[in-house]
Amino acid sequence: MAVINDDRNHTGDATLLRKVNESAILEQIHREGPVTRSHLARSLRLSLPTITRIANELLSEGLIIESSTAGSSGGRRPGLLEYNFRSNLIIGVYVGHRMVAALADLDGKIIERRSEPSRSGEAGLQQLIDLIRDLQRQAGVMGLSVRGVGVGAPSIVSFPEGVVAWAPGLGWRNLPVKRRLEEALGLEVFVENEVNLLALGESWRGAGRGIHRLVCVSVGTGIGAGLILDGQLYRGGRGAAGEIGYIVPNERYLGRQVNRFGTLESLADRNALITRGCERMQAGESSVLNVACASDPSRLTAEMVLDAARSGDPLASSVLSEVIDYLSIAIANLVCIVDPERIILSGDLASYAEMFTQPIRERIAGLVPAMPEIVASELGMDAAVLGAIAIAMRETSGALAVQPLRA
C-alpha cells in the first residue's frame, strides 16, 4: 500500500491521506508485528513523529497494543507494537443442512461455536437470528463488541444486497436476508453464496493458501464451485459463477426445465448416493447396507453409502463410482474453462473427500489440456465459517482493516 508523508503540505483530502497512512501502518503491524516505531518509519518511509502520532491514535482506539520491549543500545528501550486481534469480534455463519455459527477474533481464531440442524422458511430465518444473538451475548460477556456478521447461504446471492435467490433446502426464495438480519440485530451483515465462502476460507487458512487461481468444489446437498481468480473471488455478472450443478451432462437433458436442483446435482450430490443406493437395494442386490438400514432403504444416508464403499462393499462402491463419473465431468469442464492451479474438494461430505480425489484424477488426466492439483479440504465446513468471518472482516474494515482476502 502506498503511503504519504503527511509532514509535507498537501492538496486534497487530509482525512483521506491520514487514513491511507493509518491503514498502511496497521497492515504492517499485522504482517510483521511485534515491531518498533522506528522499524515502521524505515519500512514505510514515514517520519518517526508521524508514526508515533498515528500509533498513539491506534493505541487509544484499541486497534493495537504495546507489548514487551525490544533491545536498545542505550537510553529508553523502544516498545513493540502488536495488532490487537481482540479489539472486537466477528460472527460467521454457514447455513446448510446444519447451521454452524462461530464467534472469532480478527485473526480468524474461533472462540465460541454453535451447531444445530437447520429449519426452513421463516422458522429457519428466526433460528439464524437467535444463533447470532446468542454469540453476540457471549461477546458481551467478554466485554467485547461484534464488528460484523458474515452469512453463507446455499443459493445464488446478490452481493452486496444480500438477497438469497433460491435455497430449496431452506425454502428461501428472493429473501432479503441481509436486510432482515440487520433490522433484527442492529449489526452490519454480509450475505454470500456458501461455496464462495468455502473458497475464501480455504484460501485464507486452508488448502488454498498462496494459490492465486483456485477452485473449491463443494459436494453435499447440491454441487457448486467457488472461484478465486488472480487472488480475487469471482462472482460472475449475476452472482451465478461456479453453479456447476447446472452443467448439462449429455444431450438427453437439453430442453428440460430445471426447478429445484440442477441437472448434474441430481446425479452427483449426496442425494444421488442415497437414491442410487436405494434403487439397487430395492432391485434385490445384496449389501451391508441392507443390515445398516434394517432392510428399509428409506433409512439410508449418504454417509452410510460412503462408509460401506470405504469398507469395500460392492454395491456401495459401484454407486460411488457412478457418482464420481458425473462429478468428474463437472471438474473436467471447470479445468478447461478456468485453468486453475489447484482444485479443493470440500462441502458437507468433506470428511470423505479423499475417496474422491484420486478417482477424479484418473478419470480426467487424459482429457484436460493442463492438469491441476486435486486435493481434499483441510478445513471441512469450517472453511465456510472462516470465509464468512473473512468477508465480514473485510467489509467492515473501512480504511483501517487488515485485509485477509480480496473479495
Protein backbone atom coordinates (compact mmCIF):
# COMPACT_ATOMS: atom_id res chain seq x y z
CA MET A 1 0.00 0.00 0.00
CA ALA A 2 1.26 3.47 -0.86
CA VAL A 3 1.93 5.84 1.99
CA ILE A 4 2.12 9.61 2.01
CA ASN A 5 4.47 11.58 4.17
CA ASP A 6 1.97 13.92 5.79
CA ASP A 7 4.68 16.14 7.27
CA ARG A 8 4.62 17.93 3.89
CA ASN A 9 1.95 20.24 2.54
CA HIS A 10 -0.75 18.51 0.51
CA THR A 11 -3.65 19.41 -1.61
CA GLY A 12 -6.70 17.17 -1.43
CA ASP A 13 -8.48 15.49 1.41
CA ALA A 14 -6.28 15.46 4.53
CA THR A 15 -8.58 12.96 6.24
CA LEU A 16 -8.19 10.52 3.38
CA LEU A 17 -4.39 10.89 3.44
CA ARG A 18 -4.34 10.22 7.15
CA LYS A 19 -6.50 7.12 6.71
CA VAL A 20 -4.17 5.81 4.00
CA ASN A 21 -1.21 6.08 6.34
CA GLU A 22 -3.15 4.62 9.27
CA SER A 23 -4.10 1.64 7.13
CA ALA A 24 -0.52 1.15 5.93
CA ILE A 25 0.79 1.23 9.50
CA LEU A 26 -1.88 -1.14 10.78
CA GLU A 27 -1.30 -3.62 7.97
CA GLN A 28 2.46 -3.51 8.55
CA ILE A 29 1.96 -4.20 12.25
CA HIS A 30 -0.37 -7.09 11.43
CA ARG A 31 2.05 -8.58 8.91
CA GLU A 32 5.34 -8.15 10.79
CA GLY A 33 4.44 -7.41 14.41
CA PRO A 34 5.57 -7.04 17.02
CA VAL A 35 7.58 -4.12 15.59
CA THR A 36 9.08 -0.87 16.83
CA ARG A 37 8.04 2.59 15.74
CA SER A 38 11.46 3.15 14.18
CA HIS A 39 11.11 -0.04 12.12
CA LEU A 40 7.73 1.18 10.82
CA ALA A 41 9.24 4.54 9.92
CA ARG A 42 12.02 2.90 7.91
CA SER A 43 9.76 0.36 6.22
CA LEU A 44 7.03 2.81 5.26
CA ARG A 45 9.31 5.82 4.67
CA LEU A 46 7.36 8.00 7.05
CA SER A 47 8.84 10.27 9.67
CA LEU A 48 9.12 8.96 13.21
CA PRO A 49 6.85 11.77 14.57
CA THR A 50 4.18 10.75 12.05
CA ILE A 51 4.49 7.09 13.06
CA THR A 52 4.36 8.00 16.74
CA ARG A 53 1.26 10.18 16.35
CA ILE A 54 -0.67 7.58 14.35
CA ALA A 55 0.47 4.72 16.61
CA ASN A 56 -0.77 6.64 19.66
CA GLU A 57 -4.16 7.09 17.98
CA LEU A 58 -4.35 3.37 17.16
CA LEU A 59 -3.36 2.52 20.73
CA SER A 60 -6.09 4.77 22.14
CA GLU A 61 -8.65 3.12 19.83
CA GLY A 62 -7.57 -0.33 20.98
CA LEU A 63 -6.62 -1.46 17.47
CA ILE A 64 -3.04 -2.14 18.50
CA ILE A 65 -1.35 -2.89 21.82
CA GLU A 66 2.12 -2.16 23.14
CA SER A 67 3.88 -5.28 24.35
CA SER A 68 7.28 -6.17 25.78
CA THR A 69 10.24 -4.03 24.83
CA ALA A 70 12.93 -4.55 22.20
CA GLY A 71 16.64 -4.36 22.77
CA SER A 72 18.30 -0.98 22.89
CA SER A 73 21.85 0.31 22.51
CA GLY A 74 21.20 2.85 25.26
CA GLY A 75 18.55 5.16 26.57
CA ARG A 76 14.86 4.33 26.72
CA ARG A 77 14.04 0.88 25.32
CA PRO A 78 11.55 1.07 22.43
CA GLY A 79 8.13 -0.55 22.86
CA LEU A 80 6.88 -3.21 20.49
CA LEU A 81 3.57 -2.66 18.70
CA GLU A 82 1.24 -5.59 18.02
CA TYR A 83 -2.09 -5.90 16.26
CA ASN A 84 -4.92 -6.32 18.75
CA PHE A 85 -6.89 -9.26 17.39
CA ARG A 86 -9.34 -8.97 20.31
CA SER A 87 -10.21 -5.30 19.75
CA ASN A 88 -13.60 -6.60 18.58
CA LEU A 89 -15.05 -9.82 17.25
CA ILE A 90 -16.70 -11.24 14.13
CA ILE A 91 -19.55 -13.73 13.76
CA GLY A 92 -19.52 -16.14 10.81
CA VAL A 93 -22.40 -18.48 9.96
CA TYR A 94 -22.75 -21.31 7.45
CA VAL A 95 -26.35 -22.22 6.63
CA GLY A 96 -26.79 -25.64 5.05
CA HIS A 97 -28.47 -28.80 6.30
CA ARG A 98 -27.00 -27.57 9.60
CA MET A 99 -26.43 -24.04 10.83
CA VAL A 100 -22.88 -23.64 12.05
CA ALA A 101 -22.11 -20.32 13.72
CA ALA A 102 -18.85 -19.14 15.23
CA LEU A 103 -17.54 -16.17 17.17
CA ALA A 104 -13.97 -15.32 16.18
CA ASP A 105 -11.28 -12.74 16.72
CA LEU A 106 -9.74 -10.67 13.93
CA ASP A 107 -7.14 -13.34 13.26
CA GLY A 108 -9.83 -15.89 12.50
CA LYS A 109 -9.36 -17.78 15.78
CA ILE A 110 -12.71 -19.31 16.73
CA ILE A 111 -13.68 -18.57 20.32
CA GLU A 112 -17.21 -19.98 20.52
CA ARG A 113 -19.15 -22.27 18.19
CA ARG A 114 -22.78 -23.31 17.78
CA SER A 115 -24.21 -26.01 15.50
CA GLU A 116 -27.75 -27.35 15.06
CA PRO A 117 -29.96 -28.81 12.32
CA SER A 118 -31.39 -26.10 10.08
CA ARG A 119 -35.08 -25.35 10.00
CA SER A 120 -36.73 -23.96 6.88
CA GLY A 121 -38.80 -20.93 5.93
CA GLU A 122 -39.40 -18.18 8.49
CA ALA A 123 -38.52 -20.59 11.29
CA GLY A 124 -35.08 -21.02 9.73
CA LEU A 125 -34.55 -17.28 9.49
CA GLN A 126 -35.54 -16.85 13.16
CA GLN A 127 -33.20 -19.70 14.07
CA LEU A 128 -30.38 -17.82 12.33
CA ILE A 129 -31.23 -14.63 14.22
CA ASP A 130 -31.28 -16.49 17.55
CA LEU A 131 -27.88 -18.13 16.91
CA ILE A 132 -26.28 -14.80 16.11
CA ARG A 133 -27.88 -13.15 19.16
CA ASP A 134 -26.52 -15.94 21.35
CA LEU A 135 -22.97 -15.31 20.11
CA GLN A 136 -23.45 -11.55 20.38
CA ARG A 137 -24.37 -12.02 24.04
CA GLN A 138 -21.28 -14.18 24.51
CA ALA A 139 -19.13 -11.38 23.11
CA GLY A 140 -20.76 -9.00 25.59
CA VAL A 141 -19.89 -11.33 28.46
CA MET A 142 -16.26 -11.00 27.33
CA GLY A 143 -16.60 -7.22 27.33
CA LEU A 144 -16.21 -7.04 23.54
CA SER A 145 -18.41 -5.87 20.71
CA VAL A 146 -19.25 -7.63 17.45
CA ARG A 147 -17.88 -5.77 14.46
CA GLY A 148 -19.94 -7.56 11.80
CA VAL A 149 -21.60 -10.77 10.69
CA GLY A 150 -20.93 -12.92 7.62
CA VAL A 151 -23.50 -15.47 6.46
CA GLY A 152 -23.14 -18.17 3.80
CA ALA A 153 -26.32 -19.42 2.12
CA PRO A 154 -26.75 -22.32 -0.36
CA SER A 155 -28.02 -20.11 -3.17
CA ILE A 156 -27.13 -17.52 -5.74
CA VAL A 157 -26.83 -14.38 -3.63
CA SER A 158 -26.84 -10.81 -4.88
CA PHE A 159 -23.85 -9.09 -3.31
CA PRO A 160 -23.76 -6.69 -1.53
CA GLU A 161 -27.57 -6.54 -1.37
CA GLY A 162 -27.68 -9.90 0.38
CA VAL A 163 -30.82 -11.28 -1.28
CA VAL A 164 -30.98 -15.10 -1.43
CA ALA A 165 -32.44 -16.02 -4.81
CA TRP A 166 -33.48 -19.62 -4.17
CA ALA A 167 -32.31 -22.02 -1.48
CA PRO A 168 -34.56 -25.09 -1.97
CA GLY A 169 -33.42 -26.91 1.14
CA LEU A 170 -34.30 -23.88 3.27
CA GLY A 171 -37.40 -22.79 1.38
CA TRP A 172 -35.94 -19.30 0.92
CA ARG A 173 -36.82 -17.59 -2.34
CA ASN A 174 -35.91 -13.94 -3.09
CA LEU A 175 -35.41 -13.48 0.64
CA PRO A 176 -33.64 -10.24 1.70
CA VAL A 177 -31.57 -11.96 4.37
CA LYS A 178 -29.14 -9.07 4.88
CA ARG A 179 -31.93 -6.54 5.48
CA ARG A 180 -33.93 -8.85 7.75
CA LEU A 181 -30.91 -9.70 9.89
CA GLU A 182 -29.70 -6.11 10.16
CA GLU A 183 -33.16 -4.96 11.24
CA ALA A 184 -33.35 -7.69 13.89
CA LEU A 185 -29.79 -7.48 15.19
CA GLY A 186 -28.57 -3.92 14.74
CA LEU A 187 -25.32 -5.25 13.24
CA GLU A 188 -23.73 -4.99 9.82
CA VAL A 189 -24.41 -8.24 7.96
CA PHE A 190 -22.90 -9.57 4.73
CA VAL A 191 -24.50 -12.49 2.93
CA GLU A 192 -22.68 -14.56 0.33
CA ASN A 193 -23.01 -17.87 -1.50
CA GLU A 194 -21.69 -20.55 0.84
CA VAL A 195 -19.42 -22.18 -1.75
CA ASN A 196 -17.78 -18.80 -2.40
CA LEU A 197 -17.12 -18.68 1.33
CA LEU A 198 -15.64 -22.18 1.26
CA ALA A 199 -13.17 -20.93 -1.33
CA LEU A 200 -12.37 -17.82 0.70
CA GLY A 201 -11.86 -19.83 3.87
CA GLU A 202 -9.56 -22.36 2.18
CA SER A 203 -7.66 -19.51 0.53
CA TRP A 204 -7.18 -17.77 3.87
CA ARG A 205 -6.50 -20.62 6.27
CA GLY A 206 -6.68 -23.94 4.41
CA ALA A 207 -5.53 -25.90 1.36
CA GLY A 208 -5.64 -22.82 -0.88
CA ARG A 209 -3.06 -20.70 0.96
CA GLY A 210 -0.76 -18.96 -1.52
CA ILE A 211 -2.75 -20.15 -4.58
CA HIS A 212 -3.91 -17.34 -6.88
CA ARG A 213 -6.08 -19.43 -9.24
CA LEU A 214 -8.12 -21.73 -7.09
CA VAL A 215 -11.40 -23.65 -7.41
CA CYS A 216 -13.19 -25.07 -4.39
CA VAL A 217 -15.76 -27.71 -5.35
CA SER A 218 -18.45 -28.40 -2.77
CA VAL A 219 -20.17 -31.78 -2.74
CA GLY A 220 -23.11 -32.15 -0.40
CA THR A 221 -26.76 -31.30 -0.78
CA GLY A 222 -26.12 -29.89 -4.23
CA ILE A 223 -22.87 -29.19 -6.05
CA GLY A 224 -21.16 -25.85 -6.51
CA ALA A 225 -17.78 -24.24 -7.06
CA GLY A 226 -16.16 -21.16 -5.58
CA LEU A 227 -13.64 -19.45 -7.86
CA ILE A 228 -10.58 -17.48 -6.73
CA LEU A 229 -9.09 -15.97 -9.89
CA ASP A 230 -5.90 -13.92 -9.70
CA GLY A 231 -6.31 -13.76 -5.94
CA GLN A 232 -9.87 -12.41 -6.01
CA LEU A 233 -13.27 -14.02 -5.54
CA TYR A 234 -15.07 -14.21 -8.88
CA ARG A 235 -18.87 -14.00 -8.61
CA GLY A 236 -19.84 -13.54 -12.26
CA GLY A 237 -22.25 -11.00 -13.72
CA ARG A 238 -25.25 -12.06 -11.62
CA GLY A 239 -23.61 -13.95 -8.78
CA ALA A 240 -24.02 -17.30 -10.53
CA ALA A 241 -20.39 -18.14 -11.33
CA GLY A 242 -19.47 -21.64 -10.22
CA GLU A 243 -23.01 -23.07 -10.31
CA ILE A 244 -21.66 -26.31 -11.76
CA GLY A 245 -24.64 -28.30 -10.53
CA TYR A 246 -26.40 -26.89 -13.60
CA ILE A 247 -23.88 -28.32 -16.07
CA VAL A 248 -25.70 -30.40 -18.71
CA PRO A 249 -24.05 -33.86 -18.71
CA ASN A 250 -25.36 -35.01 -22.10
CA GLU A 251 -27.86 -34.21 -24.87
CA ARG A 252 -30.74 -36.11 -23.21
CA TYR A 253 -31.20 -33.22 -20.81
CA LEU A 254 -31.44 -30.47 -23.42
CA GLY A 255 -34.76 -28.61 -23.47
CA ARG A 256 -35.80 -29.75 -19.98
CA GLN A 257 -36.96 -27.37 -17.26
CA VAL A 258 -34.85 -27.28 -14.09
CA ASN A 259 -36.89 -26.41 -11.00
CA ARG A 260 -35.33 -27.35 -7.66
CA PHE A 261 -31.79 -28.57 -8.29
CA GLY A 262 -29.56 -28.50 -11.34
CA THR A 263 -29.26 -31.44 -13.74
CA LEU A 264 -25.85 -32.55 -12.55
CA GLU A 265 -26.77 -32.18 -8.89
CA SER A 266 -29.42 -34.86 -9.30
CA LEU A 267 -26.67 -37.22 -10.48
CA ALA A 268 -23.67 -36.39 -8.29
CA ASP A 269 -24.60 -34.98 -4.87
CA ARG A 270 -25.36 -36.65 -1.52
CA ASN A 271 -28.97 -37.31 -2.57
CA ALA A 272 -27.71 -39.12 -5.67
CA LEU A 273 -25.77 -41.52 -3.45
CA ILE A 274 -28.92 -42.23 -1.46
CA THR A 275 -31.20 -42.55 -4.50
CA ARG A 276 -28.88 -44.90 -6.36
CA GLY A 277 -28.26 -46.98 -3.25
CA CYS A 278 -31.99 -47.34 -2.59
CA GLU A 279 -32.71 -48.30 -6.21
CA ARG A 280 -30.05 -51.00 -6.17
CA MET A 281 -31.25 -52.49 -2.87
CA GLN A 282 -34.89 -52.39 -3.97
CA ALA A 283 -33.81 -54.25 -7.11
CA GLY A 284 -32.66 -57.07 -4.82
CA GLU A 285 -28.88 -56.55 -4.76
CA SER A 286 -27.22 -57.64 -1.54
CA SER A 287 -25.14 -55.25 0.52
CA VAL A 288 -24.06 -54.49 4.06
CA LEU A 289 -26.37 -51.53 3.62
CA ASN A 290 -29.37 -53.85 3.97
CA VAL A 291 -28.22 -54.57 7.50
CA ALA A 292 -27.38 -50.93 8.23
CA CYS A 293 -30.86 -49.90 7.10
CA ALA A 294 -32.58 -52.87 8.74
CA SER A 295 -33.86 -53.79 5.23
CA ASP A 296 -35.54 -50.37 4.99
CA PRO A 297 -33.83 -48.38 2.19
CA SER A 298 -35.64 -45.18 3.21
CA ARG A 299 -33.32 -45.01 6.25
CA LEU A 300 -30.25 -44.82 4.02
CA THR A 301 -27.88 -41.84 4.31
CA ALA A 302 -25.02 -40.69 2.08
CA GLU A 303 -22.61 -41.33 4.93
CA MET A 304 -23.80 -44.97 5.13
CA VAL A 305 -23.06 -45.45 1.43
CA LEU A 306 -19.62 -43.87 1.73
CA ASP A 307 -18.71 -45.86 4.84
CA ALA A 308 -19.78 -49.07 3.10
CA ALA A 309 -17.76 -48.17 0.00
CA ARG A 310 -14.74 -47.45 2.17
CA SER A 311 -15.05 -50.95 3.65
CA GLY A 312 -15.21 -52.48 0.16
CA ASP A 313 -18.94 -53.25 -0.19
CA PRO A 314 -19.54 -53.92 -3.93
CA LEU A 315 -22.95 -52.20 -4.18
CA ALA A 316 -21.79 -49.08 -2.35
CA SER A 317 -18.52 -48.97 -4.30
CA SER A 318 -20.43 -49.16 -7.59
CA VAL A 319 -22.82 -46.39 -6.52
CA LEU A 320 -19.90 -44.18 -5.50
CA SER A 321 -18.14 -44.83 -8.82
CA GLU A 322 -21.22 -43.75 -10.77
CA VAL A 323 -21.46 -40.52 -8.78
CA ILE A 324 -17.74 -39.83 -9.24
CA ASP A 325 -18.20 -40.25 -13.01
CA TYR A 326 -20.62 -37.34 -13.14
CA LEU A 327 -18.64 -35.22 -10.71
CA SER A 328 -15.57 -35.77 -12.90
CA ILE A 329 -17.48 -34.36 -15.89
CA ALA A 330 -18.10 -31.12 -13.99
CA ILE A 331 -14.50 -30.85 -12.80
CA ALA A 332 -13.07 -31.56 -16.28
CA ASN A 333 -15.24 -28.78 -17.71
CA LEU A 334 -14.10 -26.41 -14.96
CA VAL A 335 -10.45 -27.19 -15.64
CA CYS A 336 -10.84 -26.46 -19.36
CA ILE A 337 -12.57 -23.13 -18.74
CA VAL A 338 -10.74 -21.75 -15.69
CA ASP A 339 -7.30 -23.46 -15.80
CA PRO A 340 -6.87 -23.42 -12.00
CA GLU A 341 -3.65 -24.27 -10.21
CA ARG A 342 -5.49 -26.29 -7.58
CA ILE A 343 -8.94 -27.78 -7.04
CA ILE A 344 -10.08 -28.41 -3.47
CA LEU A 345 -12.89 -30.88 -2.77
CA SER A 346 -14.97 -29.69 0.14
CA GLY A 347 -18.59 -29.39 1.28
CA ASP A 348 -20.58 -31.23 3.93
CA LEU A 349 -19.07 -34.53 2.73
CA ALA A 350 -15.54 -33.13 3.15
CA SER A 351 -14.56 -35.85 5.61
CA TYR A 352 -14.85 -38.33 2.72
CA ALA A 353 -13.06 -36.14 0.15
CA GLU A 354 -10.01 -38.42 -0.04
CA MET A 355 -12.30 -41.09 -1.55
CA PHE A 356 -12.97 -38.78 -4.49
CA THR A 357 -9.63 -37.13 -5.27
CA GLN A 358 -7.62 -39.98 -6.82
CA PRO A 359 -10.54 -41.43 -8.85
CA ILE A 360 -11.26 -37.97 -10.28
CA ARG A 361 -7.57 -37.50 -11.19
CA GLU A 362 -7.58 -40.83 -13.01
CA ARG A 363 -10.79 -40.03 -14.91
CA ILE A 364 -9.80 -36.60 -16.22
CA ALA A 365 -5.98 -36.67 -16.53
CA GLY A 366 -6.02 -37.58 -20.22
CA LEU A 367 -8.91 -35.29 -21.11
CA VAL A 368 -7.84 -31.83 -19.99
CA PRO A 369 -5.15 -29.61 -21.54
CA ALA A 370 -3.49 -28.75 -18.21
CA MET A 371 -3.90 -30.89 -15.11
CA PRO A 372 -4.29 -29.05 -11.78
CA GLU A 373 -3.63 -30.42 -8.34
CA ILE A 374 -6.76 -32.03 -6.89
CA VAL A 375 -6.72 -32.14 -3.10
CA ALA A 376 -9.05 -32.63 -0.17
CA SER A 377 -10.14 -29.74 2.03
CA GLU A 378 -8.04 -29.05 5.11
CA LEU A 379 -10.86 -27.28 6.93
CA GLY A 380 -14.09 -29.11 6.14
CA MET A 381 -17.13 -26.93 6.74
CA ASP A 382 -15.04 -24.66 8.96
CA ALA A 383 -13.88 -23.20 5.64
CA ALA A 384 -17.33 -21.68 5.03
CA VAL A 385 -17.43 -20.26 8.55
CA LEU A 386 -13.93 -18.79 8.18
CA GLY A 387 -14.90 -17.40 4.77
CA ALA A 388 -17.91 -15.72 6.37
CA ILE A 389 -15.65 -14.29 9.06
CA ALA A 390 -13.18 -13.06 6.45
CA ILE A 391 -15.75 -11.31 4.31
CA ALA A 392 -17.37 -9.60 7.30
CA MET A 393 -13.94 -8.51 8.49
CA ARG A 394 -13.09 -7.05 5.11
CA GLU A 395 -16.40 -5.31 4.52
CA THR A 396 -16.47 -3.65 7.95
CA SER A 397 -12.86 -2.55 7.77
CA GLY A 398 -13.09 0.95 6.38
CA ALA A 399 -9.60 2.32 5.85
CA LEU A 400 -8.20 0.66 8.94
CA ALA A 401 -8.67 -3.04 8.39
CA VAL A 402 -6.18 -5.68 7.71
CA GLN A 403 -7.47 -7.32 4.53
CA PRO A 404 -7.40 -11.11 4.95
CA LEU A 405 -8.65 -11.61 1.39
CA ARG A 406 -9.68 -9.69 -1.65
CA ALA A 407 -13.36 -10.44 -2.13
